[in-house]
Amino acid sequence: MVEPINLRQFRKRKKRAEKEKTAEENRNKFGISSKLKKNSKANQQLEISRLDGSKLDNKE
């Protein structure tokens, strides 16, 4: 005999798979690559260190 299929679970699995496919497409389309993330993080650290280095000590 054929095993009965629960259509509700089948629909949910299908919907999850479609959402995952759409999410993957969006990550590829709009996401930032790890190389760019590392580069921007390094630039932020450089800017912070430059700003901290040029602070004036105001001791009143």
PDB file of N, CA and C in Angstrom:
ATOM      1  N   MET A   1       0.822  -1.190   0.000  1.00  0.00           N
ATOM      2  CA  MET A   1       0.000   0.000   0.000  1.00  0.00           C
ATOM      3  C   MET A   1       0.865   1.254   0.000  1.00  0.00           C
ATOM      4  N   VAL A   2       0.272   2.292  -0.471  1.00  0.00           N
ATOM      5  CA  VAL A   2       0.951   3.574  -0.510  1.00  0.00           C
ATOM      6  C   VAL A   2       0.768   4.272   0.830  1.00  0.00           C
ATOM      7  N   GLU A   3       1.815   4.887   1.294  1.00  0.00           N
ATOM      8  CA  GLU A   3       1.791   5.612   2.560  1.00  0.00           C
ATOM      9  C   GLU A   3       0.956   6.888   2.377  1.00  0.00           C
ATOM     10  N   PRO A   4       0.008   7.179   3.281  1.00  0.00           N
ATOM     11  CA  PRO A   4      -0.802   8.397   3.147  1.00  0.00           C
ATOM     12  C   PRO A   4       0.066   9.647   3.328  1.00  0.00           C
ATOM     13  N   ILE A   5      -0.301  10.683   2.604  1.00  0.00           N
ATOM     14  CA  ILE A   5       0.445  11.946   2.633  1.00  0.00           C
ATOM     15  C   ILE A   5      -0.401  12.996   3.336  1.00  0.00           C
ATOM     16  N   ASN A   6       0.205  13.679   4.274  1.00  0.00           N
ATOM     17  CA  ASN A   6      -0.467  14.786   4.934  1.00  0.00           C
ATOM     18  C   ASN A   6      -0.237  16.026   4.084  1.00  0.00           C
ATOM     19  N   LEU A   7      -1.299  16.487   3.420  1.00  0.00           N
ATOM     20  CA  LEU A   7      -1.175  17.608   2.486  1.00  0.00           C
ATOM     21  C   LEU A   7      -0.764  18.899   3.180  1.00  0.00           C
ATOM     22  N   ARG A   8      -1.194  19.090   4.414  1.00  0.00           N
ATOM     23  CA  ARG A   8      -0.831  20.309   5.144  1.00  0.00           C
ATOM     24  C   ARG A   8       0.680  20.370   5.330  1.00  0.00           C
ATOM     25  N   GLN A   9       1.276  19.275   5.764  1.00  0.00           N
ATOM     26  CA  GLN A   9       2.733  19.240   5.950  1.00  0.00           C
ATOM     27  C   GLN A   9       3.457  19.378   4.619  1.00  0.00           C
ATOM     28  N   PHE A  10       2.901  18.767   3.576  1.00  0.00           N
ATOM     29  CA  PHE A  10       3.502  18.871   2.253  1.00  0.00           C
ATOM     30  C   PHE A  10       3.521  20.318   1.785  1.00  0.00           C
ATOM     31  N   ARG A  11       2.412  21.018   1.974  1.00  0.00           N
ATOM     32  CA  ARG A  11       2.323  22.425   1.561  1.00  0.00           C
ATOM     33  C   ARG A  11       3.298  23.285   2.357  1.00  0.00           C
ATOM     34  N   LYS A  12       3.409  23.007   3.658  1.00  0.00           N
ATOM     35  CA  LYS A  12       4.334  23.776   4.491  1.00  0.00           C
ATOM     36  C   LYS A  12       5.776  23.562   4.044  1.00  0.00           C
ATOM     37  N   ARG A  13       6.133  22.302   3.753  1.00  0.00           N
ATOM     38  CA  ARG A  13       7.497  22.029   3.284  1.00  0.00           C
ATOM     39  C   ARG A  13       7.780  22.732   1.967  1.00  0.00           C
ATOM     40  N   LYS A  14       6.794  22.712   1.083  1.00  0.00           N
ATOM     41  CA  LYS A  14       6.954  23.362  -0.221  1.00  0.00           C
ATOM     42  C   LYS A  14       7.109  24.877  -0.047  1.00  0.00           C
ATOM     43  N   LYS A  15       6.297  25.467   0.831  1.00  0.00           N
ATOM     44  CA  LYS A  15       6.363  26.908   1.070  1.00  0.00           C
ATOM     45  C   LYS A  15       7.703  27.302   1.693  1.00  0.00           C
ATOM     46  N   ARG A  16       8.203  26.488   2.643  1.00  0.00           N
ATOM     47  CA  ARG A  16       9.509  26.759   3.261  1.00  0.00           C
ATOM     48  C   ARG A  16      10.622  26.696   2.223  1.00  0.00           C
ATOM     49  N   ALA A  17      10.543  25.715   1.329  1.00  0.00           N
ATOM     50  CA  ALA A  17      11.566  25.577   0.292  1.00  0.00           C
ATOM     51  C   ALA A  17      11.550  26.784  -0.638  1.00  0.00           C
ATOM     52  N   GLU A  18      10.369  27.269  -0.983  1.00  0.00           N
ATOM     53  CA  GLU A  18      10.259  28.452  -1.843  1.00  0.00           C
ATOM     54  C   GLU A  18      10.825  29.688  -1.132  1.00  0.00           C
ATOM     55  N   LYS A  19      10.507  29.831   0.148  1.00  0.00           N
ATOM     56  CA  LYS A  19      11.030  30.969   0.910  1.00  0.00           C
ATOM     57  C   LYS A  19      12.545  30.914   0.995  1.00  0.00           C
ATOM     58  N   GLU A  20      13.095  29.723   1.205  1.00  0.00           N
ATOM     59  CA  GLU A  20      14.544  29.569   1.286  1.00  0.00           C
ATOM     60  C   GLU A  20      15.196  29.915  -0.050  1.00  0.00           C
ATOM     61  N   LYS A  21      14.569  29.523  -1.142  1.00  0.00           N
ATOM     62  CA  LYS A  21      15.092  29.832  -2.466  1.00  0.00           C
ATOM     63  C   LYS A  21      15.091  31.345  -2.695  1.00  0.00           C
ATOM     64  N   THR A  22      13.991  31.997  -2.320  1.00  0.00           N
ATOM     65  CA  THR A  22      13.896  33.446  -2.462  1.00  0.00           C
ATOM     66  C   THR A  22      14.928  34.141  -1.578  1.00  0.00           C
ATOM     67  N   ALA A  23      15.103  33.644  -0.362  1.00  0.00           N
ATOM     68  CA  ALA A  23      16.076  34.235   0.562  1.00  0.00           C
ATOM     69  C   ALA A  23      17.487  34.107  -0.003  1.00  0.00           C
ATOM     70  N   GLU A  24      17.807  32.960  -0.564  1.00  0.00           N
ATOM     71  CA  GLU A  24      19.134  32.756  -1.158  1.00  0.00           C
ATOM     72  C   GLU A  24      19.366  33.713  -2.327  1.00  0.00           C
ATOM     73  N   GLU A  25      18.348  33.893  -3.156  1.00  0.00           N
ATOM     74  CA  GLU A  25      18.467  34.835  -4.274  1.00  0.00           C
ATOM     75  C   GLU A  25      18.690  36.252  -3.763  1.00  0.00           C
ATOM     76  N   ASN A  26      17.964  36.639  -2.716  1.00  0.00           N
ATOM     77  CA  ASN A  26      18.114  37.983  -2.154  1.00  0.00           C
ATOM     78  C   ASN A  26      19.487  38.174  -1.512  1.00  0.00           C
ATOM     79  N   ARG A  27      19.997  37.128  -0.851  1.00  0.00           N
ATOM     80  CA  ARG A  27      21.335  37.234  -0.269  1.00  0.00           C
ATOM     81  C   ARG A  27      22.375  37.453  -1.353  1.00  0.00           C
ATOM     82  N   ASN A  28      22.213  36.758  -2.469  1.00  0.00           N
ATOM     83  CA  ASN A  28      23.157  36.928  -3.564  1.00  0.00           C
ATOM     84  C   ASN A  28      22.996  38.281  -4.239  1.00  0.00           C
ATOM     85  N   LYS A  29      21.763  38.740  -4.329  1.00  0.00           N
ATOM     86  CA  LYS A  29      21.482  39.986  -5.038  1.00  0.00           C
ATOM     87  C   LYS A  29      21.849  41.220  -4.214  1.00  0.00           C
ATOM     88  N   PHE A  30      21.495  41.210  -2.922  1.00  0.00           N
ATOM     89  CA  PHE A  30      21.647  42.404  -2.097  1.00  0.00           C
ATOM     90  C   PHE A  30      22.710  42.283  -1.018  1.00  0.00           C
ATOM     91  N   GLY A  31      23.232  41.115  -0.793  1.00  0.00           N
ATOM     92  CA  GLY A  31      24.173  40.895   0.298  1.00  0.00           C
ATOM     93  C   GLY A  31      25.530  41.505   0.014  1.00  0.00           C
ATOM     94  N   ILE A  32      26.296  41.660   1.070  1.00  0.00           N
ATOM     95  CA  ILE A  32      27.649  42.194   0.967  1.00  0.00           C
ATOM     96  C   ILE A  32      28.605  41.022   1.131  1.00  0.00           C
ATOM     97  N   SER A  33      29.581  40.947   0.246  1.00  0.00           N
ATOM     98  CA  SER A  33      30.527  39.844   0.317  1.00  0.00           C
ATOM     99  C   SER A  33      31.411  39.976   1.555  1.00  0.00           C
ATOM    100  N   SER A  34      31.952  38.853   1.994  1.00  0.00           N
ATOM    101  CA  SER A  34      32.770  38.875   3.207  1.00  0.00           C
ATOM    102  C   SER A  34      34.032  39.701   3.006  1.00  0.00           C
ATOM    103  N   LYS A  35      34.540  39.749   1.804  1.00  0.00           N
ATOM    104  CA  LYS A  35      35.728  40.548   1.521  1.00  0.00           C
ATOM    105  C   LYS A  35      35.428  42.032   1.752  1.00  0.00           C
ATOM    106  N   LEU A  36      34.275  42.491   1.281  1.00  0.00           N
ATOM    107  CA  LEU A  36      33.895  43.886   1.488  1.00  0.00           C
ATOM    108  C   LEU A  36      33.637  44.181   2.964  1.00  0.00           C
ATOM    109  N   LYS A  37      33.035  43.226   3.674  1.00  0.00           N
ATOM    110  CA  LYS A  37      32.784  43.424   5.099  1.00  0.00           C
ATOM    111  C   LYS A  37      34.088  43.600   5.859  1.00  0.00           C
ATOM    112  N   LYS A  38      35.071  42.744   5.572  1.00  0.00           N
ATOM    113  CA  LYS A  38      36.365  42.844   6.247  1.00  0.00           C
ATOM    114  C   LYS A  38      37.035  44.164   5.923  1.00  0.00           C
ATOM    115  N   ASN A  39      36.948  44.579   4.657  1.00  0.00           N
ATOM    116  CA  ASN A  39      37.571  45.827   4.229  1.00  0.00           C
ATOM    117  C   ASN A  39      36.917  47.018   4.929  1.00  0.00           C
ATOM    118  N   SER A  40      35.591  47.033   4.994  1.00  0.00           N
ATOM    119  CA  SER A  40      34.915  48.160   5.630  1.00  0.00           C
ATOM    120  C   SER A  40      35.186  48.171   7.131  1.00  0.00           C
ATOM    121  N   LYS A  41      35.274  46.995   7.743  1.00  0.00           N
ATOM    122  CA  LYS A  41      35.571  46.939   9.167  1.00  0.00           C
ATOM    123  C   LYS A  41      36.978  47.463   9.445  1.00  0.00           C
ATOM    124  N   ALA A  42      37.918  47.111   8.583  1.00  0.00           N
ATOM    125  CA  ALA A  42      39.282  47.603   8.738  1.00  0.00           C
ATOM    126  C   ALA A  42      39.323  49.122   8.568  1.00  0.00           C
ATOM    127  N   ASN A  43      38.568  49.641   7.606  1.00  0.00           N
ATOM    128  CA  ASN A  43      38.517  51.088   7.402  1.00  0.00           C
ATOM    129  C   ASN A  43      37.910  51.798   8.602  1.00  0.00           C
ATOM    130  N   GLN A  44      36.877  51.207   9.197  1.00  0.00           N
ATOM    131  CA  GLN A  44      36.273  51.802  10.381  1.00  0.00           C
ATOM    132  C   GLN A  44      37.261  51.851  11.535  1.00  0.00           C
ATOM    133  N   GLN A  45      38.014  50.785  11.740  1.00  0.00           N
ATOM    134  CA  GLN A  45      39.012  50.767  12.800  1.00  0.00           C
ATOM    135  C   GLN A  45      40.089  51.817  12.555  1.00  0.00           C
ATOM    136  N   LEU A  46      40.492  51.972  11.287  1.00  0.00           N
ATOM    137  CA  LEU A  46      41.499  52.968  10.937  1.00  0.00           C
ATOM    138  C   LEU A  46      40.992  54.377  11.228  1.00  0.00           C
ATOM    139  N   GLU A  47      39.734  54.663  10.862  1.00  0.00           N
ATOM    140  CA  GLU A  47      39.158  55.974  11.116  1.00  0.00           C
ATOM    141  C   GLU A  47      39.055  56.247  12.614  1.00  0.00           C
ATOM    142  N   ILE A  48      38.664  55.247  13.372  1.00  0.00           N
ATOM    143  CA  ILE A  48      38.544  55.417  14.822  1.00  0.00           C
ATOM    144  C   ILE A  48      39.908  55.718  15.432  1.00  0.00           C
ATOM    145  N   SER A  49      40.919  54.994  14.991  1.00  0.00           N
ATOM    146  CA  SER A  49      42.251  55.226  15.552  1.00  0.00           C
ATOM    147  C   SER A  49      42.769  56.612  15.157  1.00  0.00           C
ATOM    148  N   ARG A  50      42.467  57.057  13.960  1.00  0.00           N
ATOM    149  CA  ARG A  50      42.875  58.408  13.546  1.00  0.00           C
ATOM    150  C   ARG A  50      42.180  59.465  14.384  1.00  0.00           C
ATOM    151  N   LEU A  51      40.885  59.284  14.615  1.00  0.00           N
ATOM    152  CA  LEU A  51      40.142  60.256  15.415  1.00  0.00           C
ATOM    153  C   LEU A  51      40.633  60.262  16.864  1.00  0.00           C
ATOM    154  N   ASP A  52      40.874  59.093  17.406  1.00  0.00           N
ATOM    155  CA  ASP A  52      41.366  59.015  18.778  1.00  0.00           C
ATOM    156  C   ASP A  52      42.759  59.634  18.898  1.00  0.00           C
ATOM    157  N   GLY A  53      43.558  59.512  17.876  1.00  0.00           N
ATOM    158  CA  GLY A  53      44.908  60.065  17.892  1.00  0.00           C
ATOM    159  C   GLY A  53      44.919  61.575  17.797  1.00  0.00           C
ATOM    160  N   SER A  54      43.871  62.162  17.218  1.00  0.00           N
ATOM    161  CA  SER A  54      43.864  63.609  17.051  1.00  0.00           C
ATOM    162  C   SER A  54      43.021  64.328  18.099  1.00  0.00           C
ATOM    163  N   LYS A  55      42.608  63.608  19.140  1.00  0.00           N
ATOM    164  CA  LYS A  55      41.838  64.244  20.205  1.00  0.00           C
ATOM    165  C   LYS A  55      42.736  65.168  21.016  1.00  0.00           C
ATOM    166  N   LEU A  56      42.133  66.256  21.439  1.00  0.00           N
ATOM    167  CA  LEU A  56      42.847  67.188  22.297  1.00  0.00           C
ATOM    168  C   LEU A  56      42.446  66.922  23.747  1.00  0.00           C
ATOM    169  N   ASP A  57      43.408  66.968  24.612  1.00  0.00           N
ATOM    170  CA  ASP A  57      43.114  66.802  26.030  1.00  0.00           C
ATOM    171  C   ASP A  57      42.696  68.139  26.610  1.00  0.00           C
ATOM    172  N   ASN A  58      41.471  68.225  27.044  1.00  0.00           N
ATOM    173  CA  ASN A  58      40.952  69.465  27.655  1.00  0.00           C
ATOM    174  C   ASN A  58      40.913  69.282  29.164  1.00  0.00           C
ATOM    175  N   LYS A  59      41.980  69.638  29.803  1.00  0.00           N
ATOM    176  CA  LYS A  59      42.034  69.558  31.256  1.00  0.00           C
ATOM    177  C   LYS A  59      41.868  70.967  31.814  1.00  0.00           C
ATOM    178  N   GLU A  60      40.775  71.164  32.464  1.00  0.00           N
ATOM    179  CA  GLU A  60      40.489  72.495  32.986  1.00  0.00           C
ATOM    180  C   GLU A  60      40.687  72.570  34.464  1.00  0.00           C
TER     181      GLU A  60
END
